[in-house]
Each structure stands twice: as structure tokens, then as C-alpha cells.
Protein backbone atom coordinates (compact mmCIF):
# COMPACT_ATOMS: atom_id res chain seq x y z
CA MET A 1 59.40 162.05 83.60
CA ARG A 2 56.23 164.11 84.03
CA ALA A 3 54.32 161.05 85.15
CA LEU A 4 56.89 160.39 87.85
CA ALA A 5 56.74 164.00 89.01
CA GLY A 6 52.94 163.89 89.12
CA THR A 7 52.99 160.66 91.08
CA MET A 8 55.54 162.03 93.55
CA ARG A 9 53.50 165.20 94.00
CA ALA A 10 50.35 163.20 94.72
CA GLU A 11 52.19 160.99 97.21
CA LEU A 12 53.67 164.00 99.02
CA ILE A 13 50.25 165.64 99.24
CA GLY A 14 48.87 162.43 100.74
CA LEU A 15 51.76 162.22 103.19
CA GLY A 16 51.17 165.83 104.21
CA GLY A 17 47.53 165.00 104.91
CA VAL A 18 48.48 162.05 107.10
CA VAL A 19 50.97 164.17 109.08
CA GLU A 20 48.43 166.99 109.49
CA ARG A 21 45.77 164.55 110.73
CA ASN A 22 48.22 163.00 113.19
CA ILE A 23 49.12 166.43 114.60
CA TYR A 24 45.44 167.33 114.96
CA LEU A 25 44.58 164.07 116.73
CA THR A 26 47.59 164.34 119.02
CA ARG A 27 46.58 167.85 120.08
CA ARG A 28 42.98 166.78 120.54
CA TYR A 29 43.63 163.67 122.62
CA ILE A 30 46.89 164.51 124.43
CA TRP A 31 45.23 164.52 127.87
CA TRP A 32 43.69 161.11 127.23
CA ASP A 33 47.17 159.85 126.32
CA VAL A 34 48.57 161.27 129.56
CA ALA A 35 45.74 159.71 131.59
CA PHE A 36 46.26 156.33 129.94
CA MET A 37 50.01 156.50 130.64
CA LEU A 38 49.39 157.29 134.32
CA TRP A 39 46.85 154.46 134.54
CA THR A 40 49.33 152.03 132.97
CA ILE A 41 52.08 153.09 135.39
CA ALA A 42 49.74 152.69 138.37
CA ASN A 43 48.71 149.20 137.27
CA THR A 44 52.32 148.17 136.73
CA LEU A 45 53.31 149.43 140.18
CA THR A 46 50.36 147.57 141.70
CA ILE A 47 51.60 144.30 140.23
CA VAL A 48 55.14 145.00 141.46
CA PHE A 49 53.96 145.84 144.98
CA ILE A 50 51.81 142.69 145.14
CA ALA A 51 54.81 140.60 144.09
CA LYS A 52 57.03 142.28 146.70
CA GLY A 53 54.36 141.73 149.36
CA ILE A 54 54.13 138.04 148.58
CA GLU A 55 57.90 137.69 148.86
CA ALA A 56 57.93 139.69 152.13
CA THR A 57 55.36 137.41 153.75
CA GLY A 58 57.35 134.28 152.92
CA GLY A 59 55.51 133.27 149.78
CA GLN A 60 57.20 131.94 146.70
């Protein structure tokens, strides 16, 4: 029983470290995430507008 408790404690400490690292990285790079999201949205809209333009000019 003690071995199981020790193993669980070690796993929870490791999980806590992963969560803490994720929070730190998210805070550090949040503006890069926002910029990448805006860039992705702009590229998607560009493709949509090109497709609409081709249809509007009589293309297939």
C-alpha cells in the first residue's frame, strides 16, 4: 500500500510540474498565439475571397 501511495505522490508531483510549465508558457507566449490566430483567419478569408471572386467573374 505504501508503494502505491509513493507512486501516486510522484505521479501527482510530475503532473503538477507539467501544468505549471503549461501555465508559464501560455502566459509567456499568449501574444504570439493571438498573432498566429489572426494570421490564420486572414489567410482563410483570403482563400474564401479568391474563390468568391472566381465565381463572380464566371469561372468554375
